[in-house]
PDB file of N, CA and C in Angstrom:
ATOM      1  N   ARG A   1     127.761 193.367   9.309  1.00  0.00           N
ATOM      2  CA  ARG A   1     128.497 192.189   8.899  1.00  0.00           C
ATOM      3  C   ARG A   1     128.722 192.263   7.395  1.00  0.00           C
ATOM      4  N   ARG A   2     129.930 191.985   6.977  1.00  0.00           N
ATOM      5  CA  ARG A   2     130.280 191.982   5.554  1.00  0.00           C
ATOM      6  C   ARG A   2     130.631 190.557   5.156  1.00  0.00           C
ATOM      7  N   TRP A   3     129.926 190.051   4.152  1.00  0.00           N
ATOM      8  CA  TRP A   3     130.136 188.684   3.700  1.00  0.00           C
ATOM      9  C   TRP A   3     131.254 188.614   2.679  1.00  0.00           C
ATOM     10  N   HIS A   4     132.011 187.540   2.719  1.00  0.00           N
ATOM     11  CA  HIS A   4     133.084 187.266   1.762  1.00  0.00           C
ATOM     12  C   HIS A   4     132.841 185.885   1.163  1.00  0.00           C
ATOM     13  N   PHE A   5     133.214 185.727  -0.090  1.00  0.00           N
ATOM     14  CA  PHE A   5     133.080 184.442  -0.756  1.00  0.00           C
ATOM     15  C   PHE A   5     134.303 184.241  -1.635  1.00  0.00           C
ATOM     16  N   ASN A   6     134.938 183.096  -1.525  1.00  0.00           N
ATOM     17  CA  ASN A   6     136.098 182.755  -2.343  1.00  0.00           C
ATOM     18  C   ASN A   6     135.861 181.409  -3.009  1.00  0.00           C
ATOM     19  N   LEU A   7     136.175 181.335  -4.283  1.00  0.00           N
ATOM     20  CA  LEU A   7     136.086 180.093  -5.030  1.00  0.00           C
ATOM     21  C   LEU A   7     137.409 179.912  -5.767  1.00  0.00           C
ATOM     22  N   VAL A   8     138.064 178.779  -5.546  1.00  0.00           N
ATOM     23  CA  VAL A   8     139.357 178.503  -6.171  1.00  0.00           C
ATOM     24  C   VAL A   8     139.285 177.154  -6.863  1.00  0.00           C
ATOM     25  N   THR A   9     139.832 177.089  -8.067  1.00  0.00           N
ATOM     26  CA  THR A   9     139.869 175.822  -8.790  1.00  0.00           C
ATOM     27  C   THR A   9     141.228 175.666  -9.458  1.00  0.00           C
ATOM     28  N   ASN A  10     141.643 174.424  -9.599  1.00  0.00           N
ATOM     29  CA  ASN A  10     142.940 174.132 -10.193  1.00  0.00           C
ATOM     30  C   ASN A  10     142.857 172.758 -10.858  1.00  0.00           C
ATOM     31  N   TYR A  11     143.484 172.631 -12.005  1.00  0.00           N
ATOM     32  CA  TYR A  11     143.516 171.336 -12.673  1.00  0.00           C
ATOM     33  C   TYR A  11     144.900 171.124 -13.251  1.00  0.00           C
ATOM     34  N   THR A  12     145.465 169.931 -13.039  1.00  0.00           N
ATOM     35  CA  THR A  12     146.769 169.559 -13.586  1.00  0.00           C
ATOM     36  C   THR A  12     146.597 168.326 -14.455  1.00  0.00           C
ATOM     37  N   PHE A  13     147.082 168.405 -15.682  1.00  0.00           N
ATOM     38  CA  PHE A  13     147.036 167.263 -16.592  1.00  0.00           C
ATOM     39  C   PHE A  13     148.101 166.259 -16.160  1.00  0.00           C
ATOM     40  N   THR A  14     147.715 164.976 -16.055  1.00  0.00           N
ATOM     41  CA  THR A  14     148.636 163.953 -15.545  1.00  0.00           C
ATOM     42  C   THR A  14     149.151 163.000 -16.616  1.00  0.00           C
ATOM     43  N   ASP A  15     148.615 163.095 -17.833  1.00  0.00           N
ATOM     44  CA  ASP A  15     149.137 162.258 -18.908  1.00  0.00           C
ATOM     45  C   ASP A  15     148.835 162.895 -20.258  1.00  0.00           C
ATOM     46  N   GLY A  16     149.394 162.332 -21.295  1.00  0.00           N
ATOM     47  CA  GLY A  16     149.171 162.851 -22.641  1.00  0.00           C
ATOM     48  C   GLY A  16     150.100 164.001 -22.967  1.00  0.00           C
ATOM     49  N   ILE A  17     149.794 164.671 -24.043  1.00  0.00           N
ATOM     50  CA  ILE A  17     150.650 165.742 -24.526  1.00  0.00           C
ATOM     51  C   ILE A  17     150.694 166.940 -23.576  1.00  0.00           C
ATOM     52  N   LEU A  18     149.666 167.115 -22.749  1.00  0.00           N
ATOM     53  CA  LEU A  18     149.614 168.235 -21.802  1.00  0.00           C
ATOM     54  C   LEU A  18     150.096 167.859 -20.400  1.00  0.00           C
ATOM     55  N   GLU A  19     150.691 166.680 -20.249  1.00  0.00           N
ATOM     56  CA  GLU A  19     151.154 166.227 -18.937  1.00  0.00           C
ATOM     57  C   GLU A  19     152.057 167.283 -18.292  1.00  0.00           C
ATOM     58  N   GLY A  20     151.749 167.601 -17.048  1.00  0.00           N
ATOM     59  CA  GLY A  20     152.525 168.577 -16.291  1.00  0.00           C
ATOM     60  C   GLY A  20     151.974 169.993 -16.354  1.00  0.00           C
ATOM     61  N   LEU A  21     151.055 170.247 -17.276  1.00  0.00           N
ATOM     62  CA  LEU A  21     150.464 171.576 -17.410  1.00  0.00           C
ATOM     63  C   LEU A  21     149.328 171.727 -16.405  1.00  0.00           C
ATOM     64  N   GLY A  22     149.295 172.854 -15.741  1.00  0.00           N
ATOM     65  CA  GLY A  22     148.223 173.136 -14.790  1.00  0.00           C
ATOM     66  C   GLY A  22     147.582 174.478 -15.101  1.00  0.00           C
ATOM     67  N   ILE A  23     146.286 174.557 -14.890  1.00  0.00           N
ATOM     68  CA  ILE A  23     145.565 175.804 -15.056  1.00  0.00           C
ATOM     69  C   ILE A  23     144.659 175.990 -13.855  1.00  0.00           C
ATOM     70  N   GLY A  24     144.398 177.238 -13.529  1.00  0.00           N
ATOM     71  CA  GLY A  24     143.530 177.479 -12.387  1.00  0.00           C
ATOM     72  C   GLY A  24     143.012 178.893 -12.373  1.00  0.00           C
ATOM     73  N   GLY A  25     142.095 179.130 -11.458  1.00  0.00           N
ATOM     74  CA  GLY A  25     141.521 180.445 -11.317  1.00  0.00           C
ATOM     75  C   GLY A  25     140.862 180.608  -9.969  1.00  0.00           C
ATOM     76  N   ALA A  26     140.589 181.844  -9.656  1.00  0.00           N
ATOM     77  CA  ALA A  26     139.930 182.160  -8.390  1.00  0.00           C
ATOM     78  C   ALA A  26     138.969 183.316  -8.601  1.00  0.00           C
ATOM     79  N   TYR A  27     137.876 183.276  -7.871  1.00  0.00           N
ATOM     80  CA  TYR A  27     136.915 184.359  -7.852  1.00  0.00           C
ATOM     81  C   TYR A  27     136.727 184.767  -6.400  1.00  0.00           C
ATOM     82  N   ARG A  28     136.896 186.059  -6.129  1.00  0.00           N
ATOM     83  CA  ARG A  28     136.735 186.584  -4.770  1.00  0.00           C
ATOM     84  C   ARG A  28     135.643 187.657  -4.804  1.00  0.00           C
ATOM     85  N   TRP A  29     134.694 187.580  -3.871  1.00  0.00           N
ATOM     86  CA  TRP A  29     133.590 188.520  -3.802  1.00  0.00           C
ATOM     87  C   TRP A  29     133.432 189.015  -2.381  1.00  0.00           C
ATOM     88  N   MET A  30     133.183 190.314  -2.239  1.00  0.00           N
ATOM     89  CA  MET A  30     132.911 190.909  -0.929  1.00  0.00           C
ATOM     90  C   MET A  30     131.610 191.697  -1.009  1.00  0.00           C
ATOM     91  N   ASP A  31     130.782 191.515  -0.023  1.00  0.00           N
ATOM     92  CA  ASP A  31     129.493 192.197   0.047  1.00  0.00           C
ATOM     93  C   ASP A  31     129.701 193.692   0.296  1.00  0.00           C
ATOM     94  N   LYS A  32     128.626 194.449   0.170  1.00  0.00           N
ATOM     95  CA  LYS A  32     128.678 195.889   0.410  1.00  0.00           C
ATOM     96  C   LYS A  32     129.092 196.167   1.850  1.00  0.00           C
ATOM     97  N   ALA A  33     129.985 197.145   2.022  1.00  0.00           N
ATOM     98  CA  ALA A  33     130.448 197.539   3.352  1.00  0.00           C
ATOM     99  C   ALA A  33     129.660 198.759   3.827  1.00  0.00           C
ATOM    100  N   ASN A  34     129.451 198.863   5.131  1.00  0.00           N
ATOM    101  CA  ASN A  34     128.880 200.088   5.686  1.00  0.00           C
ATOM    102  C   ASN A  34     129.943 201.171   5.626  1.00  0.00           C
ATOM    103  N   ILE A  35     129.605 202.295   4.990  1.00  0.00           N
ATOM    104  CA  ILE A  35     130.560 203.403   4.910  1.00  0.00           C
ATOM    105  C   ILE A  35     130.041 204.633   5.647  1.00  0.00           C
ATOM    106  N   GLY A  36     128.908 204.505   6.314  1.00  0.00           N
ATOM    107  CA  GLY A  36     128.344 205.593   7.104  1.00  0.00           C
ATOM    108  C   GLY A  36     126.900 205.296   7.450  1.00  0.00           C
ATOM    109  N   TYR A  37     126.262 206.274   8.101  1.00  0.00           N
ATOM    110  CA  TYR A  37     124.851 206.152   8.483  1.00  0.00           C
ATOM    111  C   TYR A  37     124.162 207.489   8.254  1.00  0.00           C
ATOM    112  N   TYR A  38     122.902 207.422   7.877  1.00  0.00           N
ATOM    113  CA  TYR A  38     122.106 208.636   7.783  1.00  0.00           C
ATOM    114  C   TYR A  38     121.801 209.106   9.212  1.00  0.00           C
ATOM    115  N   PRO A  39     121.688 210.407   9.410  1.00  0.00           N
ATOM    116  CA  PRO A  39     121.442 210.917  10.770  1.00  0.00           C
ATOM    117  C   PRO A  39     119.955 210.914  11.137  1.00  0.00           C
ATOM    118  N   ILE A  40     119.714 210.973  12.430  1.00  0.00           N
ATOM    119  CA  ILE A  40     118.364 211.112  12.973  1.00  0.00           C
ATOM    120  C   ILE A  40     118.475 212.032  14.195  1.00  0.00           C
ATOM    121  N   TRP A  41     117.488 212.867  14.382  1.00  0.00           N
ATOM    122  CA  TRP A  41     117.502 213.786  15.530  1.00  0.00           C
ATOM    123  C   TRP A  41     117.097 213.032  16.789  1.00  0.00           C
ATOM    124  N   ASP A  42     117.913 213.141  17.825  1.00  0.00           N
ATOM    125  CA  ASP A  42     117.635 212.502  19.113  1.00  0.00           C
ATOM    126  C   ASP A  42     117.234 213.599  20.094  1.00  0.00           C
ATOM    127  N   ASN A  43     115.936 213.640  20.453  1.00  0.00           N
ATOM    128  CA  ASN A  43     115.443 214.680  21.378  1.00  0.00           C
ATOM    129  C   ASN A  43     116.099 214.592  22.738  1.00  0.00           C
ATOM    130  N   ASP A  44     116.343 213.366  23.240  1.00  0.00           N
ATOM    131  CA  ASP A  44     116.956 213.210  24.561  1.00  0.00           C
ATOM    132  C   ASP A  44     118.368 213.788  24.592  1.00  0.00           C
ATOM    133  N   ALA A  45     119.112 213.579  23.524  1.00  0.00           N
ATOM    134  CA  ALA A  45     120.489 214.080  23.474  1.00  0.00           C
ATOM    135  C   ALA A  45     120.546 215.515  22.965  1.00  0.00           C
ATOM    136  N   GLY A  46     119.471 215.941  22.303  1.00  0.00           N
ATOM    137  CA  GLY A  46     119.464 217.283  21.731  1.00  0.00           C
ATOM    138  C   GLY A  46     120.483 217.423  20.614  1.00  0.00           C
ATOM    139  N   ALA A  47     120.660 216.324  19.851  1.00  0.00           N
ATOM    140  CA  ALA A  47     121.687 216.337  18.796  1.00  0.00           C
ATOM    141  C   ALA A  47     121.330 215.324  17.715  1.00  0.00           C
ATOM    142  N   TRP A  48     121.980 215.510  16.576  1.00  0.00           N
ATOM    143  CA  TRP A  48     121.872 214.519  15.508  1.00  0.00           C
ATOM    144  C   TRP A  48     122.762 213.334  15.860  1.00  0.00           C
ATOM    145  N   VAL A  49     122.254 212.135  15.673  1.00  0.00           N
ATOM    146  CA  VAL A  49     123.023 210.913  15.932  1.00  0.00           C
ATOM    147  C   VAL A  49     122.890 209.993  14.723  1.00  0.00           C
ATOM    148  N   ASN A  50     123.737 209.005  14.667  1.00  0.00           N
ATOM    149  CA  ASN A  50     123.658 208.022  13.581  1.00  0.00           C
ATOM    150  C   ASN A  50     122.421 207.154  13.747  1.00  0.00           C
ATOM    151  N   ASP A  51     121.647 206.993  12.673  1.00  0.00           N
ATOM    152  CA  ASP A  51     120.501 206.093  12.669  1.00  0.00           C
ATOM    153  C   ASP A  51     121.011 204.722  12.228  1.00  0.00           C
ATOM    154  N   LEU A  52     121.251 203.855  13.180  1.00  0.00           N
ATOM    155  CA  LEU A  52     121.848 202.550  12.891  1.00  0.00           C
ATOM    156  C   LEU A  52     120.955 201.664  12.033  1.00  0.00           C
ATOM    157  N   SER A  53     119.690 202.028  11.870  1.00  0.00           N
ATOM    158  CA  SER A  53     118.797 201.253  11.004  1.00  0.00           C
ATOM    159  C   SER A  53     118.879 201.715   9.546  1.00  0.00           C
ATOM    160  N   LYS A  54     119.645 202.776   9.280  1.00  0.00           N
ATOM    161  CA  LYS A  54     119.773 203.304   7.914  1.00  0.00           C
ATOM    162  C   LYS A  54     121.245 203.456   7.524  1.00  0.00           C
ATOM    163  N   PRO A  55     121.909 202.335   7.272  1.00  0.00           N
ATOM    164  CA  PRO A  55     123.320 202.424   6.879  1.00  0.00           C
ATOM    165  C   PRO A  55     123.470 202.924   5.441  1.00  0.00           C
ATOM    166  N   ILE A  56     124.604 203.535   5.179  1.00  0.00           N
ATOM    167  CA  ILE A  56     124.992 203.914   3.817  1.00  0.00           C
ATOM    168  C   ILE A  56     126.002 202.867   3.377  1.00  0.00           C
ATOM    169  N   LYS A  57     125.709 202.208   2.272  1.00  0.00           N
ATOM    170  CA  LYS A  57     126.526 201.076   1.825  1.00  0.00           C
ATOM    171  C   LYS A  57     127.423 201.463   0.651  1.00  0.00           C
ATOM    172  N   GLY A  58     128.601 200.894   0.638  1.00  0.00           N
ATOM    173  CA  GLY A  58     129.484 201.008  -0.511  1.00  0.00           C
ATOM    174  C   GLY A  58     129.150 199.907  -1.500  1.00  0.00           C
ATOM    175  N   PRO A  59     129.897 199.824  -2.587  1.00  0.00           N
ATOM    176  CA  PRO A  59     129.604 198.812  -3.605  1.00  0.00           C
ATOM    177  C   PRO A  59     130.127 197.427  -3.202  1.00  0.00           C
ATOM    178  N   THR A  60     129.573 196.399  -3.827  1.00  0.00           N
ATOM    179  CA  THR A  60     130.181 195.084  -3.690  1.00  0.00           C
ATOM    180  C   THR A  60     131.498 195.107  -4.473  1.00  0.00           C
ATOM    181  N   GLU A  61     132.400 194.208  -4.128  1.00  0.00           N
ATOM    182  CA  GLU A  61     133.673 194.128  -4.834  1.00  0.00           C
ATOM    183  C   GLU A  61     133.904 192.689  -5.261  1.00  0.00           C
ATOM    184  N   ASP A  62     134.441 192.515  -6.464  1.00  0.00           N
ATOM    185  CA  ASP A  62     134.802 191.169  -6.893  1.00  0.00           C
ATOM    186  C   ASP A  62     136.086 191.223  -7.712  1.00  0.00           C
ATOM    187  N   TYR A  63     136.810 190.112  -7.651  1.00  0.00           N
ATOM    188  CA  TYR A  63     138.126 190.004  -8.269  1.00  0.00           C
ATOM    189  C   TYR A  63     138.264 188.627  -8.905  1.00  0.00           C
ATOM    190  N   VAL A  64     138.953 188.576 -10.031  1.00  0.00           N
ATOM    191  CA  VAL A  64     139.191 187.315 -10.728  1.00  0.00           C
ATOM    192  C   VAL A  64     140.697 187.160 -10.933  1.00  0.00           C
ATOM    193  N   ASP A  65     141.218 185.994 -10.578  1.00  0.00           N
ATOM    194  CA  ASP A  65     142.633 185.668 -10.752  1.00  0.00           C
ATOM    195  C   ASP A  65     142.743 184.423 -11.626  1.00  0.00           C
ATOM    196  N   PHE A  66     143.812 184.342 -12.398  1.00  0.00           N
ATOM    197  CA  PHE A  66     144.091 183.159 -13.215  1.00  0.00           C
ATOM    198  C   PHE A  66     145.554 182.772 -13.055  1.00  0.00           C
ATOM    199  N   TRP A  67     145.858 181.507 -13.291  1.00  0.00           N
ATOM    200  CA  TRP A  67     147.248 181.070 -13.315  1.00  0.00           C
ATOM    201  C   TRP A  67     147.408 179.882 -14.242  1.00  0.00           C
ATOM    202  N   VAL A  68     148.638 179.728 -14.695  1.00  0.00           N
ATOM    203  CA  VAL A  68     149.020 178.583 -15.524  1.00  0.00           C
ATOM    204  C   VAL A  68     150.379 178.122 -15.006  1.00  0.00           C
ATOM    205  N   SER A  69     150.565 176.813 -14.952  1.00  0.00           N
ATOM    206  CA  SER A  69     151.821 176.276 -14.429  1.00  0.00           C
ATOM    207  C   SER A  69     152.278 175.096 -15.285  1.00  0.00           C
ATOM    208  N   TYR A  70     153.531 174.786 -15.111  1.00  0.00           N
ATOM    209  CA  TYR A  70     154.090 173.605 -15.770  1.00  0.00           C
ATOM    210  C   TYR A  70     155.077 172.964 -14.805  1.00  0.00           C
ATOM    211  N   GLN A  71     155.074 171.625 -14.773  1.00  0.00           N
ATOM    212  CA  GLN A  71     155.935 170.871 -13.857  1.00  0.00           C
ATOM    213  C   GLN A  71     156.546 169.693 -14.599  1.00  0.00           C
ATOM    214  N   LYS A  72     157.826 169.469 -14.353  1.00  0.00           N
ATOM    215  CA  LYS A  72     158.522 168.358 -15.012  1.00  0.00           C
ATOM    216  C   LYS A  72     159.553 167.787 -14.047  1.00  0.00           C
ATOM    217  N   GLU A  73     159.623 166.444 -14.042  1.00  0.00           N
ATOM    218  CA  GLU A  73     160.630 165.788 -13.217  1.00  0.00           C
ATOM    219  C   GLU A  73     161.760 165.313 -14.134  1.00  0.00           C
ATOM    220  N   PHE A  74     162.980 165.689 -13.754  1.00  0.00           N
ATOM    221  CA  PHE A  74     164.157 165.272 -14.514  1.00  0.00           C
ATOM    222  C   PHE A  74     164.653 163.924 -13.997  1.00  0.00           C
ATOM    223  N   LYS A  75     165.461 163.231 -14.806  1.00  0.00           N
ATOM    224  CA  LYS A  75     165.953 161.895 -14.436  1.00  0.00           C
ATOM    225  C   LYS A  75     166.771 161.914 -13.156  1.00  0.00           C
ATOM    226  N   SER A  76     167.359 163.053 -12.849  1.00  0.00           N
ATOM    227  CA  SER A  76     168.176 163.144 -11.636  1.00  0.00           C
ATOM    228  C   SER A  76     167.338 163.282 -10.369  1.00  0.00           C
ATOM    229  N   GLY A  77     166.002 163.230 -10.496  1.00  0.00           N
ATOM    230  CA  GLY A  77     165.111 163.326  -9.343  1.00  0.00           C
ATOM    231  C   GLY A  77     164.763 164.758  -8.975  1.00  0.00           C
ATOM    232  N   ILE A  78     165.172 165.703  -9.785  1.00  0.00           N
ATOM    233  CA  ILE A  78     164.844 167.102  -9.531  1.00  0.00           C
ATOM    234  C   ILE A  78     163.504 167.421 -10.179  1.00  0.00           C
ATOM    235  N   LEU A  79     162.616 168.028  -9.402  1.00  0.00           N
ATOM    236  CA  LEU A  79     161.311 168.444  -9.893  1.00  0.00           C
ATOM    237  C   LEU A  79     161.354 169.945 -10.145  1.00  0.00           C
ATOM    238  N   TRP A  80     161.102 170.325 -11.390  1.00  0.00           N
ATOM    239  CA  TRP A  80     161.103 171.746 -11.772  1.00  0.00           C
ATOM    240  C   TRP A  80     159.673 172.186 -12.035  1.00  0.00           C
ATOM    241  N   SER A  81     159.319 173.370 -11.538  1.00  0.00           N
ATOM    242  CA  SER A  81     157.998 173.917 -11.830  1.00  0.00           C
ATOM    243  C   SER A  81     158.108 175.423 -12.053  1.00  0.00           C
ATOM    244  N   ILE A  82     157.238 175.903 -12.914  1.00  0.00           N
ATOM    245  CA  ILE A  82     157.156 177.328 -13.208  1.00  0.00           C
ATOM    246  C   ILE A  82     155.677 177.689 -13.211  1.00  0.00           C
ATOM    247  N   GLN A  83     155.359 178.876 -12.691  1.00  0.00           N
ATOM    248  CA  GLN A  83     153.951 179.275 -12.617  1.00  0.00           C
ATOM    249  C   GLN A  83     153.823 180.770 -12.872  1.00  0.00           C
ATOM    250  N   LEU A  84     152.841 181.130 -13.699  1.00  0.00           N
ATOM    251  CA  LEU A  84     152.499 182.516 -13.971  1.00  0.00           C
ATOM    252  C   LEU A  84     151.137 182.790 -13.344  1.00  0.00           C
ATOM    253  N   ASN A  85     151.074 183.783 -12.472  1.00  0.00           N
ATOM    254  CA  ASN A  85     149.827 184.198 -11.839  1.00  0.00           C
ATOM    255  C   ASN A  85     149.454 185.589 -12.340  1.00  0.00           C
ATOM    256  N   VAL A  86     148.180 185.784 -12.651  1.00  0.00           N
ATOM    257  CA  VAL A  86     147.654 187.100 -13.010  1.00  0.00           C
ATOM    258  C   VAL A  86     146.545 187.408 -12.008  1.00  0.00           C
ATOM    259  N   TYR A  87     146.737 188.489 -11.245  1.00  0.00           N
ATOM    260  CA  TYR A  87     145.810 188.859 -10.181  1.00  0.00           C
ATOM    261  C   TYR A  87     144.908 190.006 -10.632  1.00  0.00           C
ATOM    262  N   ASP A  88     143.649 189.941 -10.253  1.00  0.00           N
ATOM    263  CA  ASP A  88     142.661 190.972 -10.553  1.00  0.00           C
ATOM    264  C   ASP A  88     142.636 191.270 -12.058  1.00  0.00           C
ATOM    265  N   VAL A  89     142.349 190.229 -12.818  1.00  0.00           N
ATOM    266  CA  VAL A  89     142.397 190.282 -14.281  1.00  0.00           C
ATOM    267  C   VAL A  89     141.517 191.403 -14.845  1.00  0.00           C
ATOM    268  N   PHE A  90     140.347 191.600 -14.277  1.00  0.00           N
ATOM    269  CA  PHE A  90     139.414 192.594 -14.797  1.00  0.00           C
ATOM    270  C   PHE A  90     139.386 193.840 -13.912  1.00  0.00           C
ATOM    271  N   ALA A  91     140.552 194.296 -13.482  1.00  0.00           N
ATOM    272  CA  ALA A  91     140.647 195.447 -12.581  1.00  0.00           C
ATOM    273  C   ALA A  91     139.924 196.654 -13.166  1.00  0.00           C
ATOM    274  N   ASP A  92     139.243 197.364 -12.297  1.00  0.00           N
ATOM    275  CA  ASP A  92     138.490 198.555 -12.687  1.00  0.00           C
ATOM    276  C   ASP A  92     139.246 199.772 -12.159  1.00  0.00           C
ATOM    277  N   ASP A  93     139.159 200.897 -12.838  1.00  0.00           N
ATOM    278  CA  ASP A  93     139.883 202.077 -12.386  1.00  0.00           C
ATOM    279  C   ASP A  93     138.999 203.049 -11.597  1.00  0.00           C
ATOM    280  N   LYS A  94     137.807 202.620 -11.201  1.00  0.00           N
ATOM    281  CA  LYS A  94     136.909 203.475 -10.424  1.00  0.00           C
ATOM    282  C   LYS A  94     137.343 203.495  -8.957  1.00  0.00           C
ATOM    283  N   PHE A  95     137.260 204.681  -8.349  1.00  0.00           N
ATOM    284  CA  PHE A  95     137.547 204.801  -6.920  1.00  0.00           C
ATOM    285  C   PHE A  95     136.536 203.979  -6.122  1.00  0.00           C
ATOM    286  N   ILE A  96     136.974 203.453  -4.982  1.00  0.00           N
ATOM    287  CA  ILE A  96     136.103 202.646  -4.128  1.00  0.00           C
ATOM    288  C   ILE A  96     135.752 203.453  -2.886  1.00  0.00           C
ATOM    289  N   PRO A  97     134.467 203.783  -2.674  1.00  0.00           N
ATOM    290  CA  PRO A  97     134.069 204.577  -1.507  1.00  0.00           C
ATOM    291  C   PRO A  97     134.374 203.847  -0.206  1.00  0.00           C
ATOM    292  N   THR A  98     134.903 204.606   0.777  1.00  0.00           N
ATOM    293  CA  THR A  98     135.190 204.028   2.090  1.00  0.00           C
ATOM    294  C   THR A  98     134.501 204.778   3.225  1.00  0.00           C
ATOM    295  N   ALA A  99     133.995 205.976   2.948  1.00  0.00           N
ATOM    296  CA  ALA A  99     133.283 206.756   3.969  1.00  0.00           C
ATOM    297  C   ALA A  99     132.275 207.663   3.263  1.00  0.00           C
ATOM    298  N   ALA A 100     131.155 207.916   3.955  1.00  0.00           N
ATOM    299  CA  ALA A 100     130.099 208.761   3.392  1.00  0.00           C
ATOM    300  C   ALA A 100     129.763 209.896   4.342  1.00  0.00           C
ATOM    301  N   ASN A 101     129.323 211.012   3.765  1.00  0.00           N
ATOM    302  CA  ASN A 101     128.791 212.128   4.542  1.00  0.00           C
ATOM    303  C   ASN A 101     127.390 211.767   5.015  1.00  0.00           C
ATOM    304  N   PRO A 102     126.866 212.494   6.010  1.00  0.00           N
ATOM    305  CA  PRO A 102     125.521 212.181   6.504  1.00  0.00           C
ATOM    306  C   PRO A 102     124.420 212.269   5.452  1.00  0.00           C
ATOM    307  N   ASP A 103     124.651 213.023   4.363  1.00  0.00           N
ATOM    308  CA  ASP A 103     123.622 213.105   3.319  1.00  0.00           C
ATOM    309  C   ASP A 103     123.755 211.992   2.285  1.00  0.00           C
ATOM    310  N   GLY A 104     124.716 211.096   2.470  1.00  0.00           N
ATOM    311  CA  GLY A 104     124.894 209.960   1.571  1.00  0.00           C
ATOM    312  C   GLY A 104     125.930 210.176   0.488  1.00  0.00           C
ATOM    313  N   THR A 105     126.436 211.400   0.336  1.00  0.00           N
ATOM    314  CA  THR A 105     127.486 211.633  -0.658  1.00  0.00           C
ATOM    315  C   THR A 105     128.805 211.036  -0.167  1.00  0.00           C
ATOM    316  N   ILE A 106     129.649 210.715  -1.105  1.00  0.00           N
ATOM    317  CA  ILE A 106     130.923 210.071  -0.772  1.00  0.00           C
ATOM    318  C   ILE A 106     131.886 211.077  -0.155  1.00  0.00           C
ATOM    319  N   ALA A 107     132.478 210.714   0.978  1.00  0.00           N
ATOM    320  CA  ALA A 107     133.416 211.583   1.684  1.00  0.00           C
ATOM    321  C   ALA A 107     134.862 211.146   1.498  1.00  0.00           C
ATOM    322  N   GLN A 108     135.068 209.868   1.275  1.00  0.00           N
ATOM    323  CA  GLN A 108     136.439 209.338   1.184  1.00  0.00           C
ATOM    324  C   GLN A 108     136.437 208.123   0.281  1.00  0.00           C
ATOM    325  N   VAL A 109     137.503 207.958  -0.478  1.00  0.00           N
ATOM    326  CA  VAL A 109     137.638 206.819  -1.376  1.00  0.00           C
ATOM    327  C   VAL A 109     139.031 206.223  -1.234  1.00  0.00           C
ATOM    328  N   ARG A 110     139.178 205.029  -1.774  1.00  0.00           N
ATOM    329  CA  ARG A 110     140.512 204.432  -1.888  1.00  0.00           C
ATOM    330  C   ARG A 110     140.751 204.075  -3.343  1.00  0.00           C
ATOM    331  N   LEU A 111     142.008 203.997  -3.682  1.00  0.00           N
ATOM    332  CA  LEU A 111     142.370 203.635  -5.044  1.00  0.00           C
ATOM    333  C   LEU A 111     142.097 202.156  -5.268  1.00  0.00           C
ATOM    334  N   PRO A 112     141.599 201.800  -6.435  1.00  0.00           N
ATOM    335  CA  PRO A 112     141.385 200.376  -6.721  1.00  0.00           C
ATOM    336  C   PRO A 112     142.717 199.692  -6.999  1.00  0.00           C
ATOM    337  N   GLY A 113     142.708 198.379  -6.902  1.00  0.00           N
ATOM    338  CA  GLY A 113     143.891 197.614  -7.255  1.00  0.00           C
ATOM    339  C   GLY A 113     144.086 197.598  -8.761  1.00  0.00           C
ATOM    340  N   GLN A 114     145.248 197.188  -9.167  1.00  0.00           N
ATOM    341  CA  GLN A 114     145.557 197.071 -10.580  1.00  0.00           C
ATOM    342  C   GLN A 114     145.769 195.604 -10.914  1.00  0.00           C
ATOM    343  N   THR A 115     145.677 195.300 -12.202  1.00  0.00           N
ATOM    344  CA  THR A 115     146.041 193.952 -12.630  1.00  0.00           C
ATOM    345  C   THR A 115     147.541 193.791 -12.425  1.00  0.00           C
ATOM    346  N   ASN A 116     147.923 192.743 -11.712  1.00  0.00           N
ATOM    347  CA  ASN A 116     149.329 192.452 -11.443  1.00  0.00           C
ATOM    348  C   ASN A 116     149.620 191.021 -11.846  1.00  0.00           C
ATOM    349  N   TRP A 117     150.880 190.724 -12.018  1.00  0.00           N
ATOM    350  CA  TRP A 117     151.260 189.361 -12.352  1.00  0.00           C
ATOM    351  C   TRP A 117     152.552 189.019 -11.626  1.00  0.00           C
ATOM    352  N   SER A 118     152.766 187.736 -11.475  1.00  0.00           N
ATOM    353  CA  SER A 118     154.026 187.244 -10.894  1.00  0.00           C
ATOM    354  C   SER A 118     154.367 185.921 -11.562  1.00  0.00           C
ATOM    355  N   ILE A 119     155.637 185.638 -11.573  1.00  0.00           N
ATOM    356  CA  ILE A 119     156.101 184.359 -12.110  1.00  0.00           C
ATOM    357  C   ILE A 119     157.050 183.747 -11.092  1.00  0.00           C
ATOM    358  N   SER A 120     156.903 182.445 -10.870  1.00  0.00           N
ATOM    359  CA  SER A 120     157.786 181.755  -9.941  1.00  0.00           C
ATOM    360  C   SER A 120     158.407 180.548 -10.639  1.00  0.00           C
ATOM    361  N   ASN A 121     159.609 180.270 -10.269  1.00  0.00           N
ATOM    362  CA  ASN A 121     160.392 179.186 -10.852  1.00  0.00           C
ATOM    363  C   ASN A 121     160.985 178.404  -9.679  1.00  0.00           C
ATOM    364  N   THR A 122     160.683 177.115  -9.563  1.00  0.00           N
ATOM    365  CA  THR A 122     161.061 176.347  -8.376  1.00  0.00           C
ATOM    366  C   THR A 122     161.732 175.038  -8.780  1.00  0.00           C
ATOM    367  N   PHE A 123     162.769 174.689  -8.029  1.00  0.00           N
ATOM    368  CA  PHE A 123     163.420 173.392  -8.168  1.00  0.00           C
ATOM    369  C   PHE A 123     163.322 172.687  -6.816  1.00  0.00           C
ATOM    370  N   ARG A 124     162.889 171.425  -6.833  1.00  0.00           N
ATOM    371  CA  ARG A 124     162.795 170.606  -5.603  1.00  0.00           C
ATOM    372  C   ARG A 124     163.555 169.299  -5.819  1.00  0.00           C
ATOM    373  N   TRP A 125     164.236 168.880  -4.791  1.00  0.00           N
ATOM    374  CA  TRP A 125     164.914 167.586  -4.861  1.00  0.00           C
ATOM    375  C   TRP A 125     164.876 166.897  -3.532  1.00  0.00           C
TER     376      TRP A 125
END
């Protein structure tokens, strides 16, 4: 079983000089994944088999996202909003193990994500 945890927060100013400004962030965490098992000799089968009591674990993974937004209502009843999102702010360039050899060495990896951003501009009426 691999555990996941997500925490998201957002705040929008409703009055004063910052009225319409919103800020937020998210933290995502994933527990260590099983990427293989150490072997054990099975006399009945006459072969090496996976020892399910000795998993080989990959690293935990965590990601941080941030965003800032602004919203304004025009006299014509049109609501305009713009938002900038930055995903995986502290992206790491280390390979992420996905499979292990029976001796525990890494057999396969995947490329890590990169810091990405997006901007959205919306009109509602």
